[in-house]
Amino acid sequence: MIDPLIWQDVSFGKLKHKNQILFIACFSNADDYGRLLGEPAYLKSIAFLYKDYTNEDVKEIRDETAKEMKNFKVYSVDGCEYIQFLKWGDVQKQQKDRIQDSKIPLLSKRLASAKQMLPQDKISKDKISKDKIREEKNKDILSIMSKLKEVILIHKPKVLIRDSWYDKWYNDIRLMIKHDGRTIQDIYIKLDILKGHSFWGKQILSADNFRKHYDRLEPDKKKESDYLKREKTIGSEYKFKGKS
């Protein structure tokens, strides 16, 4: 169903009549995920069957439409062109049990994320694996996560690092870089320190703790000793107060 608000859309209103016809034809023929074949010959058959347009004419109309309508994305997979309505899930309210799997290849590593392209509850049915979604994430952060996991398992080989922690770890490391101002190189240096640190190696078992104790990760044994003494003193004071 075409949203009636389309007629109030400024970008749509600025399109030429032939571009509006193509846009509506594509919207009407898209599958349950907002995708359809984008080859000019196919578009001509659904939008301009009785018009004297060549495939080159239709290609030009299609590309002009994509330029003006940011929701209308043309992409190519294995030499074949397709179209994806990026905000399809926002404008199309479909019954979950009636959504059919898409036969059109997924738009990946482009401007849209998997969540933009698909109804949230149907991601798994469209065969989007966790690995494919993770490909869109920052490779440096993923590499740091992998290194941190490796270091943790060196000190605690039996610790269970759950897959469900993935997003939390990713965000913690992202904040270290973006918010705390840590550089990729410095983080790796700290990981090397953590790897050979008998004390902190057993204390830091998550990205959250790694971020929390980042500045304490020093190879200086005196700092470690001072910290242990301070912790011991605080613990003694706490026990003393508890007895009084």
Protein backbone atom coordinates (compact mmCIF):
# COMPACT_ATOMS: atom_id res chain seq x y z
CA MET A 1 0.00 0.00 0.00
CA ILE A 2 1.31 3.44 -0.95
CA ASP A 3 1.41 5.86 1.96
CA PRO A 4 -0.96 8.81 1.21
CA LEU A 5 1.69 11.12 2.71
CA ILE A 6 3.81 10.49 -0.39
CA TRP A 7 1.87 13.28 -2.12
CA GLN A 8 3.07 15.71 0.57
CA ASP A 9 6.71 14.63 0.29
CA VAL A 10 8.83 17.50 -0.98
CA SER A 11 11.39 15.30 -2.80
CA PHE A 12 8.66 13.27 -4.48
CA GLY A 13 6.83 16.45 -5.46
CA LYS A 14 9.92 17.78 -7.23
CA LEU A 15 10.22 14.69 -9.44
CA LYS A 16 9.17 14.80 -13.06
CA HIS A 17 5.95 12.99 -13.83
CA LYS A 18 7.77 10.02 -15.42
CA ASN A 19 9.99 9.67 -12.36
CA GLN A 20 6.94 9.68 -10.08
CA ILE A 21 5.37 6.95 -12.21
CA LEU A 22 8.51 4.82 -11.92
CA PHE A 23 8.76 5.34 -8.17
CA ILE A 24 5.16 4.29 -7.59
CA ALA A 25 5.50 1.32 -9.96
CA CYS A 26 8.57 0.12 -8.05
CA PHE A 27 6.85 0.62 -4.71
CA SER A 28 3.85 -1.37 -5.93
CA ASN A 29 6.00 -4.25 -7.21
CA ALA A 30 8.53 -4.50 -4.37
CA ASP A 31 8.56 -7.69 -2.30
CA ASP A 32 7.84 -7.89 1.44
CA TYR A 33 11.30 -6.48 2.17
CA GLY A 34 11.07 -3.51 -0.17
CA ARG A 35 13.26 -5.00 -2.88
CA LEU A 36 12.82 -5.59 -6.58
CA LEU A 37 14.78 -6.14 -9.76
CA GLY A 38 16.28 -2.88 -10.96
CA GLU A 39 17.20 -3.79 -14.53
CA PRO A 40 15.87 -1.19 -17.03
CA ALA A 41 14.09 -3.82 -19.14
CA TYR A 42 12.13 -5.04 -16.12
CA LEU A 43 11.32 -1.52 -14.94
CA LYS A 44 10.07 -0.67 -18.41
CA SER A 45 7.70 -3.64 -18.27
CA ILE A 46 6.12 -2.57 -14.96
CA ALA A 47 6.09 1.20 -15.42
CA PHE A 48 6.21 2.07 -19.11
CA LEU A 49 4.77 -0.93 -20.95
CA TYR A 50 2.87 1.25 -23.40
CA LYS A 51 5.41 4.05 -23.67
CA ASP A 52 8.00 4.36 -26.40
CA TYR A 53 10.98 4.40 -24.01
CA THR A 54 14.24 2.59 -24.64
CA ASN A 55 16.11 0.73 -21.90
CA GLU A 56 18.59 3.61 -21.81
CA ASP A 57 15.74 6.06 -21.25
CA VAL A 58 14.41 3.98 -18.36
CA LYS A 59 17.89 3.67 -16.85
CA GLU A 60 18.21 7.46 -16.91
CA ILE A 61 14.80 7.87 -15.26
CA ARG A 62 15.72 5.30 -12.61
CA ASP A 63 19.04 6.95 -11.78
CA GLU A 64 17.46 10.41 -11.63
CA THR A 65 14.87 9.05 -9.20
CA ALA A 66 17.54 7.49 -7.01
CA LYS A 67 19.42 10.79 -6.92
CA GLU A 68 16.41 12.70 -5.64
CA MET A 69 14.79 10.05 -3.44
CA LYS A 70 17.28 8.91 -0.78
CA ASN A 71 14.94 6.08 0.21
CA PHE A 72 15.24 4.63 -3.33
CA LYS A 73 18.58 2.81 -3.51
CA VAL A 74 19.95 1.19 -6.69
CA TYR A 75 22.64 -1.43 -6.11
CA SER A 76 24.36 -4.23 -7.99
CA VAL A 77 25.07 -7.85 -7.03
CA ASP A 78 27.01 -10.14 -9.38
CA GLY A 79 26.41 -7.85 -12.33
CA CYS A 80 22.64 -7.59 -11.86
CA GLU A 81 20.94 -4.38 -10.68
CA TYR A 82 18.35 -4.20 -7.92
CA ILE A 83 16.40 -1.57 -6.00
CA GLN A 84 15.90 -1.35 -2.23
CA PHE A 85 13.48 0.96 -0.42
CA LEU A 86 15.62 1.72 2.63
CA LYS A 87 12.80 2.71 4.98
CA TRP A 88 10.41 0.01 3.89
CA GLY A 89 9.87 -1.29 7.42
CA ASP A 90 8.86 2.20 8.59
CA VAL A 91 6.10 2.73 6.04
CA GLN A 92 4.81 -0.80 5.48
CA LYS A 93 2.95 -2.44 8.36
CA GLN A 94 2.67 -6.13 7.52
CA GLN A 95 1.31 -9.12 9.38
CA LYS A 96 4.20 -11.26 10.54
CA ASP A 97 2.71 -14.55 9.39
CA ARG A 98 2.17 -13.26 5.85
CA ILE A 99 5.67 -11.96 5.12
CA GLN A 100 7.40 -14.07 2.49
CA ASP A 101 11.15 -14.51 2.19
CA SER A 102 12.88 -12.29 -0.35
CA LYS A 103 14.39 -13.75 -3.49
CA ILE A 104 16.33 -10.56 -4.14
CA PRO A 105 19.96 -10.42 -2.89
CA LEU A 106 20.56 -8.33 0.21
CA LEU A 107 22.02 -4.86 -0.10
CA SER A 108 25.19 -5.13 2.02
CA LYS A 109 28.17 -2.92 2.89
CA ARG A 110 26.24 0.04 1.58
CA LEU A 111 24.58 3.06 3.16
CA ALA A 112 21.78 1.09 4.77
CA SER A 113 22.10 -1.27 7.69
CA ALA A 114 20.27 -4.57 7.93
CA LYS A 115 17.86 -3.07 10.46
CA GLN A 116 16.89 -0.28 8.05
CA MET A 117 16.13 -2.69 5.28
CA LEU A 118 14.18 -5.35 7.08
CA PRO A 119 11.25 -5.67 9.43
CA GLN A 120 12.99 -6.36 12.76
CA ASP A 121 11.22 -9.62 13.48
CA LYS A 122 12.03 -11.08 10.05
CA ILE A 123 15.80 -10.62 9.97
CA SER A 124 16.47 -14.27 10.71
CA LYS A 125 14.01 -15.50 8.08
CA ASP A 126 15.85 -13.52 5.46
CA LYS A 127 18.99 -15.47 6.33
CA ILE A 128 20.96 -12.57 7.73
CA SER A 129 23.54 -14.18 9.95
CA LYS A 130 25.17 -12.43 12.89
CA ASP A 131 28.44 -12.56 10.96
CA LYS A 132 26.98 -10.54 8.08
CA ILE A 133 25.67 -7.86 10.40
CA ARG A 134 29.03 -7.74 12.18
CA GLU A 135 30.81 -7.14 8.86
CA GLU A 136 29.27 -3.66 8.90
CA LYS A 137 31.01 -2.84 12.19
CA ASN A 138 34.41 -1.24 12.70
CA LYS A 139 37.15 -3.78 11.98
CA ASP A 140 39.60 -2.18 14.44
CA ILE A 141 37.11 -2.57 17.28
CA LEU A 142 36.40 -6.17 16.29
CA SER A 143 40.13 -6.88 16.27
CA ILE A 144 40.54 -5.35 19.74
CA MET A 145 37.62 -7.45 21.00
CA SER A 146 39.26 -10.59 19.65
CA LYS A 147 42.59 -9.68 21.27
CA LEU A 148 40.94 -8.93 24.62
CA LYS A 149 39.14 -12.27 24.53
CA GLU A 150 42.44 -14.01 23.78
CA VAL A 151 44.17 -12.28 26.72
CA ILE A 152 41.33 -13.10 29.12
CA LEU A 153 41.46 -16.78 28.17
CA ILE A 154 45.21 -16.87 28.80
CA HIS A 155 44.65 -15.91 32.43
CA LYS A 156 41.26 -17.58 32.87
CA PRO A 157 41.04 -20.48 30.38
CA LYS A 158 37.76 -21.74 31.87
CA VAL A 159 35.91 -18.42 31.83
CA LEU A 160 32.78 -18.46 29.67
CA ILE A 161 32.64 -15.50 27.29
CA ARG A 162 29.06 -15.45 26.07
CA ASP A 163 28.11 -14.44 22.54
CA SER A 164 25.36 -12.28 24.04
CA TRP A 165 28.08 -9.95 25.41
CA TYR A 166 29.14 -9.05 21.88
CA ASP A 167 27.20 -5.76 21.54
CA LYS A 168 28.14 -4.64 25.06
CA TRP A 169 31.85 -5.26 24.43
CA TYR A 170 31.67 -3.51 21.09
CA ASN A 171 30.07 -0.42 22.60
CA ASP A 172 32.50 -0.29 25.53
CA ILE A 173 35.51 -0.33 23.20
CA ARG A 174 33.85 2.17 20.86
CA LEU A 175 33.44 4.53 23.82
CA MET A 176 37.09 4.05 24.78
CA ILE A 177 38.09 5.35 21.37
CA LYS A 178 35.43 7.97 20.71
CA HIS A 179 34.67 9.26 24.22
CA ASP A 180 37.84 8.51 26.22
CA GLY A 181 40.22 9.44 23.41
CA ARG A 182 42.21 6.18 23.44
CA THR A 183 44.10 5.40 20.24
CA ILE A 184 44.11 1.97 18.61
CA GLN A 185 47.88 1.71 19.12
CA ASP A 186 47.67 2.59 22.83
CA ILE A 187 44.89 0.06 23.40
CA TYR A 188 47.07 -2.69 21.94
CA ILE A 189 49.93 -1.62 24.20
CA LYS A 190 47.62 -1.91 27.21
CA LEU A 191 46.47 -5.33 26.02
CA ASP A 192 50.10 -6.47 25.87
CA ILE A 193 50.59 -5.22 29.44
CA LEU A 194 47.43 -7.01 30.51
CA LYS A 195 48.62 -10.20 28.84
CA GLY A 196 51.74 -10.34 31.01
CA HIS A 197 50.19 -8.95 34.19
CA SER A 198 49.64 -11.58 36.88
CA PHE A 199 47.36 -9.33 38.95
CA TRP A 200 45.22 -7.41 36.47
CA GLY A 201 45.09 -10.38 34.14
CA LYS A 202 42.85 -12.16 36.66
CA GLN A 203 40.76 -9.08 37.49
CA ILE A 204 39.81 -7.84 34.03
CA LEU A 205 37.35 -10.25 32.42
CA SER A 206 35.31 -7.90 30.24
CA ALA A 207 35.57 -4.85 28.00
CA ASP A 208 33.76 -2.84 30.65
CA ASN A 209 36.44 -3.64 33.27
CA PHE A 210 39.19 -3.08 30.73
CA ARG A 211 37.85 0.43 30.16
CA LYS A 212 37.33 1.06 33.89
CA HIS A 213 40.88 0.10 34.91
CA TYR A 214 42.62 1.25 31.72
CA ASP A 215 44.78 3.91 33.40
CA ARG A 216 45.86 1.48 36.13
CA LEU A 217 47.35 -0.92 33.62
CA GLU A 218 51.03 -0.10 34.08
CA PRO A 219 54.02 -2.47 33.97
CA ASP A 220 55.41 -0.62 37.02
CA LYS A 221 55.34 -3.22 39.84
CA LYS A 222 55.52 -0.50 42.48
CA LYS A 223 52.17 0.91 41.36
CA GLU A 224 50.67 -2.54 41.59
CA SER A 225 52.10 -3.01 45.07
CA ASP A 226 50.81 0.41 46.21
CA TYR A 227 47.39 -0.44 44.90
CA LEU A 228 47.30 -3.78 46.72
CA LYS A 229 48.37 -2.13 49.98
CA ARG A 230 45.68 0.50 49.60
CA GLU A 231 43.04 -2.14 48.87
CA LYS A 232 44.22 -4.16 51.88
CA THR A 233 44.06 -1.09 54.15
CA ILE A 234 40.55 -0.22 52.98
CA GLY A 235 39.49 -3.81 53.54
CA SER A 236 40.90 -3.84 57.08
CA GLU A 237 39.18 -0.57 57.95
CA TYR A 238 35.91 -1.95 56.65
CA LYS A 239 36.24 -5.12 58.76
CA PHE A 240 37.20 -3.08 61.83
CA LYS A 241 34.18 -0.84 61.47
CA GLY A 242 31.98 -3.86 60.98
CA LYS A 243 33.07 -5.31 64.30
CA SER A 244 32.58 -2.15 66.33
